[in-house]
N, C-alpha and C. Protein backbone atom coordinates (compact mmCIF):
# COMPACT_ATOMS: atom_id res chain seq x y z
N MET A 1 0.84 -1.18 0.00
CA MET A 1 0.00 0.00 0.00
C MET A 1 0.88 1.24 0.00
N PRO A 2 0.44 2.26 -0.67
CA PRO A 2 1.22 3.49 -0.70
C PRO A 2 1.32 4.11 0.69
N GLY A 3 2.50 4.63 1.00
CA GLY A 3 2.73 5.30 2.26
C GLY A 3 3.06 4.37 3.42
N MET A 4 2.98 3.06 3.22
CA MET A 4 3.31 2.12 4.30
C MET A 4 4.76 1.69 4.16
N ARG A 5 5.42 1.60 5.29
CA ARG A 5 6.80 1.14 5.30
C ARG A 5 6.86 -0.25 5.92
N LEU A 6 7.66 -1.10 5.33
CA LEU A 6 7.90 -2.41 5.91
C LEU A 6 9.15 -2.33 6.76
N THR A 7 9.08 -2.86 7.95
CA THR A 7 10.26 -2.87 8.82
C THR A 7 10.58 -4.31 9.18
N ALA A 8 11.86 -4.58 9.28
CA ALA A 8 12.30 -5.92 9.65
C ALA A 8 12.03 -6.14 11.14
N VAL A 9 11.57 -7.32 11.45
CA VAL A 9 11.31 -7.67 12.85
C VAL A 9 12.49 -8.49 13.34
N THR A 10 13.07 -8.06 14.45
CA THR A 10 14.20 -8.78 15.04
C THR A 10 13.67 -9.64 16.17
N ALA A 11 14.08 -10.89 16.17
CA ALA A 11 13.65 -11.81 17.22
C ALA A 11 14.17 -11.33 18.57
N THR A 12 13.39 -11.58 19.61
CA THR A 12 13.82 -11.22 20.96
C THR A 12 14.84 -12.25 21.43
N GLU A 13 15.51 -11.93 22.53
CA GLU A 13 16.48 -12.86 23.10
C GLU A 13 15.81 -14.18 23.50
N SER A 14 14.62 -14.09 24.07
CA SER A 14 13.93 -15.31 24.48
C SER A 14 13.51 -16.15 23.27
N GLN A 15 13.11 -15.52 22.17
CA GLN A 15 12.77 -16.26 20.96
C GLN A 15 14.01 -16.96 20.40
N GLU A 16 15.14 -16.26 20.39
CA GLU A 16 16.39 -16.87 19.92
C GLU A 16 16.77 -18.06 20.79
N GLN A 17 16.64 -17.89 22.11
CA GLN A 17 17.00 -18.97 23.02
C GLN A 17 16.07 -20.16 22.86
N ARG A 18 14.76 -19.91 22.70
CA ARG A 18 13.82 -21.03 22.49
C ARG A 18 14.15 -21.79 21.22
N ALA A 19 14.53 -21.08 20.16
CA ALA A 19 14.88 -21.74 18.90
C ALA A 19 16.14 -22.59 19.07
N LEU A 20 17.14 -22.08 19.80
CA LEU A 20 18.36 -22.84 20.05
C LEU A 20 18.06 -24.08 20.88
N VAL A 21 17.24 -23.93 21.92
CA VAL A 21 16.86 -25.07 22.76
C VAL A 21 16.12 -26.12 21.92
N LYS A 22 15.21 -25.68 21.09
CA LYS A 22 14.46 -26.61 20.23
C LYS A 22 15.42 -27.38 19.32
N TRP A 23 16.37 -26.67 18.70
CA TRP A 23 17.33 -27.33 17.82
C TRP A 23 18.16 -28.37 18.59
N ILE A 24 18.65 -27.99 19.79
CA ILE A 24 19.46 -28.91 20.59
C ILE A 24 18.65 -30.15 20.94
N ARG A 25 17.40 -29.97 21.35
CA ARG A 25 16.57 -31.11 21.75
C ARG A 25 16.22 -32.04 20.59
N LEU A 26 16.35 -31.57 19.37
CA LEU A 26 16.08 -32.40 18.20
C LEU A 26 17.30 -33.20 17.74
N GLN A 27 18.46 -32.95 18.36
CA GLN A 27 19.68 -33.64 17.94
C GLN A 27 19.69 -35.08 18.44
N PRO A 28 20.26 -36.00 17.65
CA PRO A 28 20.25 -37.42 18.05
C PRO A 28 21.05 -37.71 19.31
N TRP A 29 22.03 -36.91 19.65
CA TRP A 29 22.84 -37.13 20.84
C TRP A 29 22.18 -36.62 22.11
N TYR A 30 21.13 -35.82 21.98
CA TYR A 30 20.52 -35.17 23.14
C TYR A 30 19.75 -36.18 23.99
N CYS A 31 19.97 -36.12 25.30
CA CYS A 31 19.19 -36.88 26.27
C CYS A 31 18.54 -35.88 27.23
N GLU A 32 17.34 -36.19 27.71
CA GLU A 32 16.65 -35.31 28.65
C GLU A 32 17.57 -34.96 29.82
N GLY A 33 17.69 -33.69 30.13
CA GLY A 33 18.55 -33.25 31.23
C GLY A 33 19.91 -32.77 30.78
N ASP A 34 20.26 -32.96 29.50
CA ASP A 34 21.56 -32.49 29.01
C ASP A 34 21.63 -30.97 28.93
N LEU A 35 20.49 -30.32 28.79
CA LEU A 35 20.46 -28.87 28.64
C LEU A 35 19.72 -28.26 29.82
N ILE A 36 20.39 -27.34 30.51
CA ILE A 36 19.83 -26.74 31.71
C ILE A 36 19.71 -25.24 31.51
N LYS A 37 18.54 -24.70 31.81
CA LYS A 37 18.29 -23.26 31.74
C LYS A 37 18.53 -22.66 33.13
N ILE A 38 19.39 -21.65 33.21
CA ILE A 38 19.67 -20.96 34.46
C ILE A 38 18.71 -19.78 34.54
N ASN A 39 17.80 -19.82 35.49
CA ASN A 39 16.74 -18.82 35.58
C ASN A 39 17.19 -17.65 36.46
N ASN A 40 17.97 -16.74 35.87
CA ASN A 40 18.50 -15.63 36.66
C ASN A 40 18.24 -14.26 36.05
N GLU A 41 17.40 -14.19 35.01
CA GLU A 41 17.16 -12.89 34.40
C GLU A 41 16.02 -12.17 35.12
N GLY A 42 15.86 -10.93 34.81
CA GLY A 42 14.77 -10.16 35.35
C GLY A 42 15.21 -9.12 36.36
N LYS A 43 14.37 -8.13 36.52
CA LYS A 43 14.63 -7.07 37.51
C LYS A 43 13.96 -7.47 38.80
N ARG A 44 14.61 -7.12 39.91
CA ARG A 44 14.06 -7.46 41.22
C ARG A 44 14.47 -6.40 42.23
N SER A 45 13.77 -6.36 43.33
CA SER A 45 14.08 -5.41 44.39
C SER A 45 15.38 -5.85 45.07
N GLU A 46 15.95 -4.95 45.87
CA GLU A 46 17.18 -5.30 46.61
C GLU A 46 16.93 -6.45 47.57
N GLY A 47 15.75 -6.49 48.18
CA GLY A 47 15.40 -7.58 49.10
C GLY A 47 15.31 -8.92 48.37
N GLN A 48 14.66 -8.91 47.20
CA GLN A 48 14.56 -10.14 46.40
C GLN A 48 15.95 -10.58 45.95
N LYS A 49 16.75 -9.63 45.52
CA LYS A 49 18.12 -9.93 45.07
C LYS A 49 18.92 -10.58 46.21
N TRP A 50 18.86 -9.99 47.40
CA TRP A 50 19.57 -10.51 48.56
C TRP A 50 19.13 -11.95 48.84
N ASN A 51 17.81 -12.17 48.83
CA ASN A 51 17.27 -13.49 49.10
C ASN A 51 17.73 -14.51 48.06
N LEU A 52 17.65 -14.16 46.79
CA LEU A 52 18.04 -15.08 45.71
C LEU A 52 19.53 -15.39 45.75
N ILE A 53 20.35 -14.39 46.04
CA ILE A 53 21.80 -14.64 46.14
C ILE A 53 22.07 -15.62 47.27
N HIS A 54 21.37 -15.48 48.39
CA HIS A 54 21.57 -16.40 49.51
C HIS A 54 20.96 -17.78 49.24
N MET A 55 20.11 -17.87 48.22
CA MET A 55 19.57 -19.16 47.81
C MET A 55 20.41 -19.80 46.70
N GLY A 56 21.49 -19.11 46.28
CA GLY A 56 22.39 -19.69 45.29
C GLY A 56 22.43 -19.02 43.94
N MET A 57 21.64 -17.97 43.73
CA MET A 57 21.69 -17.27 42.45
C MET A 57 23.07 -16.65 42.27
N CYS A 58 23.60 -16.74 41.09
CA CYS A 58 24.90 -16.17 40.77
C CYS A 58 24.71 -15.05 39.75
N ILE A 59 25.07 -13.84 40.12
CA ILE A 59 24.95 -12.71 39.21
C ILE A 59 25.89 -12.94 38.03
N GLY A 60 25.35 -12.82 36.82
CA GLY A 60 26.15 -13.01 35.61
C GLY A 60 26.14 -14.43 35.08
N ALA A 61 25.48 -15.36 35.77
CA ALA A 61 25.46 -16.75 35.30
C ALA A 61 24.88 -16.82 33.89
N ALA A 62 25.45 -17.68 33.07
CA ALA A 62 25.03 -17.83 31.68
C ALA A 62 23.61 -18.39 31.61
N ASP A 63 22.96 -18.17 30.47
CA ASP A 63 21.57 -18.60 30.28
C ASP A 63 21.42 -20.11 30.22
N LEU A 64 22.32 -20.77 29.50
CA LEU A 64 22.18 -22.21 29.25
C LEU A 64 23.46 -22.95 29.60
N PHE A 65 23.29 -24.17 30.08
CA PHE A 65 24.42 -25.06 30.32
C PHE A 65 24.14 -26.38 29.63
N LEU A 66 25.03 -26.77 28.73
CA LEU A 66 24.94 -28.05 28.05
C LEU A 66 25.83 -29.02 28.82
N ALA A 67 25.19 -29.89 29.61
CA ALA A 67 25.90 -30.85 30.47
C ALA A 67 26.24 -32.09 29.65
N TYR A 68 27.10 -31.89 28.67
CA TYR A 68 27.47 -32.95 27.74
C TYR A 68 28.97 -32.81 27.49
N PRO A 69 29.79 -33.67 28.08
CA PRO A 69 31.24 -33.55 27.89
C PRO A 69 31.65 -33.70 26.43
N SER A 70 32.67 -32.96 26.06
CA SER A 70 33.20 -33.05 24.70
C SER A 70 34.67 -32.62 24.72
N GLY A 71 35.51 -33.42 24.11
CA GLY A 71 36.94 -33.11 24.10
C GLY A 71 37.45 -33.04 25.53
N SER A 72 38.13 -31.97 25.86
CA SER A 72 38.67 -31.83 27.21
C SER A 72 37.74 -31.06 28.13
N PHE A 73 36.51 -30.76 27.68
CA PHE A 73 35.58 -29.94 28.45
C PHE A 73 34.50 -30.78 29.11
N SER A 74 34.07 -30.32 30.28
CA SER A 74 33.03 -31.02 31.04
C SER A 74 31.63 -30.58 30.64
N GLY A 75 31.51 -29.47 29.95
CA GLY A 75 30.22 -28.95 29.54
C GLY A 75 30.40 -27.59 28.89
N LEU A 76 29.31 -27.06 28.33
CA LEU A 76 29.34 -25.79 27.60
C LEU A 76 28.34 -24.81 28.20
N TRP A 77 28.84 -23.65 28.66
CA TRP A 77 28.01 -22.55 29.14
C TRP A 77 27.78 -21.58 27.99
N MET A 78 26.52 -21.15 27.80
CA MET A 78 26.21 -20.22 26.72
C MET A 78 25.36 -19.07 27.24
N GLU A 79 25.81 -17.86 26.98
CA GLU A 79 25.04 -16.65 27.27
C GLU A 79 24.43 -16.21 25.95
N VAL A 80 23.11 -16.30 25.83
CA VAL A 80 22.41 -16.02 24.58
C VAL A 80 22.09 -14.54 24.49
N LYS A 81 22.42 -13.94 23.36
CA LYS A 81 22.07 -12.56 23.05
C LYS A 81 21.28 -12.56 21.75
N ARG A 82 20.42 -11.58 21.61
CA ARG A 82 19.65 -11.50 20.37
C ARG A 82 20.51 -10.98 19.23
N VAL A 83 20.09 -11.29 18.03
CA VAL A 83 20.77 -10.76 16.85
C VAL A 83 20.17 -9.39 16.60
N ARG A 84 21.02 -8.41 16.52
CA ARG A 84 20.56 -7.06 16.21
C ARG A 84 21.62 -6.37 15.38
N GLY A 85 21.25 -5.29 14.73
CA GLY A 85 22.19 -4.62 13.85
C GLY A 85 23.42 -4.10 14.54
N CYS A 86 23.25 -3.55 15.74
CA CYS A 86 24.37 -2.94 16.43
C CYS A 86 24.06 -2.86 17.91
N TYR A 87 25.02 -3.22 18.75
CA TYR A 87 24.85 -3.07 20.20
C TYR A 87 25.43 -1.72 20.60
N PRO A 88 24.62 -0.83 21.16
CA PRO A 88 25.12 0.49 21.55
C PRO A 88 26.16 0.41 22.64
N ARG A 89 26.98 1.42 22.74
CA ARG A 89 28.08 1.45 23.71
C ARG A 89 27.58 1.24 25.14
N GLY A 90 26.44 1.79 25.48
CA GLY A 90 25.93 1.64 26.84
C GLY A 90 25.70 0.18 27.22
N ILE A 91 25.27 -0.62 26.27
CA ILE A 91 25.05 -2.05 26.53
C ILE A 91 26.38 -2.76 26.64
N ILE A 92 27.29 -2.47 25.72
CA ILE A 92 28.58 -3.16 25.69
C ILE A 92 29.37 -2.88 26.96
N ARG A 93 29.21 -1.71 27.55
CA ARG A 93 29.97 -1.33 28.74
C ARG A 93 29.19 -1.57 30.03
N SER A 94 28.09 -2.28 29.96
CA SER A 94 27.24 -2.42 31.15
C SER A 94 27.86 -3.37 32.18
N PRO A 95 27.65 -3.08 33.46
CA PRO A 95 28.12 -3.98 34.52
C PRO A 95 27.52 -5.38 34.40
N HIS A 96 26.27 -5.45 33.90
CA HIS A 96 25.60 -6.73 33.71
C HIS A 96 26.37 -7.61 32.72
N LEU A 97 26.75 -7.04 31.59
CA LEU A 97 27.50 -7.79 30.58
C LEU A 97 28.90 -8.14 31.08
N GLU A 98 29.50 -7.25 31.84
CA GLU A 98 30.81 -7.54 32.42
C GLU A 98 30.71 -8.73 33.39
N ALA A 99 29.64 -8.78 34.19
CA ALA A 99 29.45 -9.90 35.13
C ALA A 99 29.26 -11.21 34.37
N GLN A 100 28.55 -11.15 33.25
CA GLN A 100 28.36 -12.35 32.43
C GLN A 100 29.70 -12.83 31.86
N GLU A 101 30.51 -11.89 31.43
CA GLU A 101 31.81 -12.26 30.90
C GLU A 101 32.71 -12.85 31.98
N ARG A 102 32.72 -12.25 33.15
CA ARG A 102 33.51 -12.80 34.26
C ARG A 102 33.05 -14.21 34.61
N PHE A 103 31.73 -14.44 34.60
CA PHE A 103 31.20 -15.77 34.89
C PHE A 103 31.74 -16.78 33.87
N LEU A 104 31.64 -16.45 32.59
CA LEU A 104 32.10 -17.37 31.54
C LEU A 104 33.60 -17.64 31.65
N LEU A 105 34.38 -16.60 31.91
CA LEU A 105 35.82 -16.78 32.05
C LEU A 105 36.16 -17.65 33.26
N GLY A 106 35.42 -17.47 34.34
CA GLY A 106 35.63 -18.30 35.52
C GLY A 106 35.34 -19.77 35.26
N ARG A 107 34.29 -20.04 34.51
CA ARG A 107 33.95 -21.43 34.19
C ARG A 107 35.01 -22.04 33.26
N LYS A 108 35.55 -21.24 32.37
CA LYS A 108 36.60 -21.74 31.48
C LYS A 108 37.83 -22.16 32.29
N LYS A 109 38.14 -21.41 33.33
CA LYS A 109 39.29 -21.76 34.18
C LYS A 109 39.04 -23.05 34.94
N GLN A 110 37.77 -23.44 35.09
CA GLN A 110 37.42 -24.67 35.80
C GLN A 110 37.30 -25.88 34.87
N GLY A 111 37.56 -25.69 33.57
CA GLY A 111 37.52 -26.82 32.65
C GLY A 111 36.27 -26.93 31.81
N PHE A 112 35.45 -25.88 31.81
CA PHE A 112 34.26 -25.86 30.97
C PHE A 112 34.53 -24.98 29.76
N ALA A 113 33.74 -25.15 28.72
CA ALA A 113 33.74 -24.22 27.60
C ALA A 113 32.65 -23.19 27.89
N GLY A 114 32.81 -21.98 27.39
CA GLY A 114 31.80 -20.95 27.60
C GLY A 114 31.94 -19.83 26.60
N THR A 115 30.80 -19.31 26.15
CA THR A 115 30.84 -18.25 25.17
C THR A 115 29.52 -17.51 25.11
N PHE A 116 29.55 -16.33 24.51
CA PHE A 116 28.35 -15.61 24.14
C PHE A 116 27.89 -16.15 22.79
N VAL A 117 26.58 -16.29 22.61
CA VAL A 117 26.06 -16.66 21.29
C VAL A 117 25.05 -15.60 20.88
N PHE A 118 25.15 -15.16 19.64
CA PHE A 118 24.30 -14.11 19.11
C PHE A 118 23.27 -14.73 18.18
N GLY A 119 22.14 -15.12 18.76
CA GLY A 119 21.08 -15.75 17.98
C GLY A 119 21.23 -17.25 17.94
N TRP A 120 20.16 -17.94 17.55
CA TRP A 120 20.17 -19.40 17.60
C TRP A 120 21.10 -20.00 16.55
N GLU A 121 21.22 -19.37 15.40
CA GLU A 121 22.10 -19.94 14.36
C GLU A 121 23.56 -19.88 14.78
N HIS A 122 23.95 -18.79 15.40
CA HIS A 122 25.30 -18.68 15.93
C HIS A 122 25.48 -19.72 17.05
N GLY A 123 24.45 -19.88 17.88
CA GLY A 123 24.49 -20.89 18.93
C GLY A 123 24.66 -22.29 18.37
N ARG A 124 23.98 -22.58 17.27
CA ARG A 124 24.12 -23.90 16.62
C ARG A 124 25.57 -24.12 16.19
N LYS A 125 26.19 -23.11 15.60
CA LYS A 125 27.59 -23.25 15.17
C LYS A 125 28.51 -23.48 16.37
N VAL A 126 28.24 -22.78 17.47
CA VAL A 126 29.04 -22.96 18.68
C VAL A 126 28.90 -24.38 19.20
N VAL A 127 27.68 -24.88 19.29
CA VAL A 127 27.45 -26.24 19.78
C VAL A 127 28.11 -27.27 18.88
N GLU A 128 27.98 -27.09 17.57
CA GLU A 128 28.61 -28.03 16.63
C GLU A 128 30.13 -28.03 16.79
N LYS A 129 30.72 -26.86 16.93
CA LYS A 129 32.16 -26.79 17.12
C LYS A 129 32.56 -27.43 18.45
N TYR A 130 31.81 -27.15 19.50
CA TYR A 130 32.07 -27.73 20.81
C TYR A 130 32.01 -29.26 20.73
N LEU A 131 30.99 -29.79 20.09
CA LEU A 131 30.83 -31.26 20.02
C LEU A 131 31.90 -31.92 19.16
N SER A 132 32.56 -31.14 18.31
CA SER A 132 33.66 -31.70 17.51
C SER A 132 34.93 -31.84 18.35
N GLY A 133 34.89 -31.37 19.59
CA GLY A 133 36.03 -31.49 20.50
C GLY A 133 36.97 -30.31 20.46
N CYS A 134 36.61 -29.27 19.72
CA CYS A 134 37.47 -28.08 19.61
C CYS A 134 37.25 -27.15 20.79
N ASP A 135 38.28 -26.37 21.09
CA ASP A 135 38.19 -25.35 22.13
C ASP A 135 37.25 -24.25 21.65
N ILE A 136 36.49 -23.71 22.57
CA ILE A 136 35.59 -22.60 22.27
C ILE A 136 36.11 -21.38 23.01
N ASP A 137 36.69 -20.45 22.27
CA ASP A 137 37.16 -19.19 22.83
C ASP A 137 35.93 -18.34 23.15
N LEU A 138 36.02 -17.52 24.18
CA LEU A 138 34.89 -16.71 24.61
C LEU A 138 34.30 -15.89 23.47
N TRP A 139 35.14 -15.39 22.58
CA TRP A 139 34.67 -14.54 21.47
C TRP A 139 35.02 -15.11 20.11
N GLU A 140 35.61 -16.30 20.06
CA GLU A 140 36.13 -16.85 18.80
C GLU A 140 35.14 -16.82 17.65
N LEU A 141 33.98 -17.41 17.84
CA LEU A 141 33.02 -17.46 16.75
C LEU A 141 32.27 -16.15 16.58
N SER A 142 32.45 -15.22 17.53
CA SER A 142 31.80 -13.92 17.43
C SER A 142 32.68 -12.91 16.72
N LYS A 143 33.97 -13.19 16.58
CA LYS A 143 34.89 -12.20 16.03
C LYS A 143 34.44 -11.63 14.69
N PRO A 144 33.92 -12.44 13.77
CA PRO A 144 33.44 -11.83 12.52
C PRO A 144 32.27 -10.88 12.75
N LEU A 145 31.61 -10.99 13.90
CA LEU A 145 30.45 -10.17 14.19
C LEU A 145 30.81 -8.87 14.89
N LEU A 146 32.06 -8.72 15.30
CA LEU A 146 32.46 -7.56 16.08
C LEU A 146 33.14 -6.52 15.21
N VAL A 147 32.97 -5.27 15.62
CA VAL A 147 33.67 -4.17 14.96
C VAL A 147 34.91 -3.86 15.75
N ARG A 148 36.08 -3.98 15.19
CA ARG A 148 37.37 -3.66 15.80
C ARG A 148 37.44 -4.10 17.25
N PRO A 149 37.45 -5.40 17.53
CA PRO A 149 37.50 -5.82 18.93
C PRO A 149 38.80 -5.37 19.60
N GLY A 150 38.72 -5.09 20.88
CA GLY A 150 39.88 -4.70 21.66
C GLY A 150 39.83 -5.38 23.01
N PRO A 151 40.89 -5.33 23.79
CA PRO A 151 40.95 -6.10 25.03
C PRO A 151 40.13 -5.51 26.17
N MET A 152 39.62 -6.39 27.02
CA MET A 152 39.04 -6.00 28.31
C MET A 152 39.58 -6.95 29.35
N ILE A 153 38.97 -8.10 29.50
CA ILE A 153 39.42 -9.14 30.41
C ILE A 153 39.90 -10.30 29.55
N ASP A 154 41.13 -10.71 29.70
CA ASP A 154 41.67 -11.83 28.92
C ASP A 154 41.39 -11.70 27.43
N GLY A 155 41.49 -10.50 26.89
CA GLY A 155 41.37 -10.31 25.45
C GLY A 155 39.97 -10.14 24.92
N SER A 156 38.96 -9.93 25.75
CA SER A 156 37.61 -9.76 25.23
C SER A 156 37.38 -8.30 24.84
N PRO A 157 36.44 -8.05 23.96
CA PRO A 157 36.22 -6.69 23.46
C PRO A 157 35.14 -5.89 24.17
N LEU A 158 34.60 -6.37 25.27
CA LEU A 158 33.43 -5.71 25.85
C LEU A 158 33.65 -4.26 26.25
N MET A 159 34.74 -3.94 26.87
CA MET A 159 34.89 -2.61 27.44
C MET A 159 35.39 -1.56 26.47
N GLU A 160 35.69 -1.95 25.27
CA GLU A 160 36.18 -0.97 24.31
C GLU A 160 35.06 0.00 23.93
N GLU A 161 35.43 1.18 23.54
CA GLU A 161 34.47 2.21 23.12
C GLU A 161 34.07 1.98 21.68
N LYS A 162 33.50 0.82 21.42
CA LYS A 162 33.11 0.46 20.06
C LYS A 162 31.76 -0.20 20.08
N ASN A 163 31.10 -0.22 18.97
CA ASN A 163 29.83 -0.93 18.84
C ASN A 163 30.10 -2.36 18.39
N VAL A 164 29.24 -3.27 18.79
CA VAL A 164 29.34 -4.67 18.37
C VAL A 164 28.27 -4.91 17.33
N ARG A 165 28.67 -5.37 16.18
CA ARG A 165 27.70 -5.65 15.12
C ARG A 165 27.45 -7.15 15.05
N VAL A 166 26.19 -7.50 14.95
CA VAL A 166 25.84 -8.91 14.77
C VAL A 166 24.78 -9.03 13.70
C-alpha cells in the first residue's frame, strides 16, 4: 500500500534462546537433562536480590548449560544474546554484561567451555564446534560479528568504546 513502510522484525532474546533449545533437543545425541536453563534474568528489588543470592543465584550466570562432555571440556556454558544490527556502547559497557563475561571466564578456568552466542544460528555453530572437540574461545566465533575488537578481560572486546555488530 502506498505510504506504508515495511520494517524488519528482530527476534527477541527469548525467541532466539527457544529456537536454540528446540534445535538442541532435536539432535540425536541429546538426552533429557543435558540442557539446563539458568533462571536468573529479570529485575528485582534489593530484598529479592539478597534473598536469591543467599539461595544460590549467581549474578552473571550464563543462560544455558549443556551438560554434555566433549573433548577436554566437562560442559558448555552459553550466554544467549539477540541478533541485532548494532549493540550500543551503553550495553557493551554495562556492569551486567561484564558480570556475564567474568562468569564465563571463571567457568573456562574450571575446565568448561563458555561463550556468548548471538542468535540461535550462531548458537548452533558454537554447539557443533564444541561437540567436535574443539576449544571454544569466549569470542572466537563472534569475532566476525564484532567491529574492531579490543581487550578488556583476557582479550575480550566488551569494554572498548566500540559498537558490536551482529
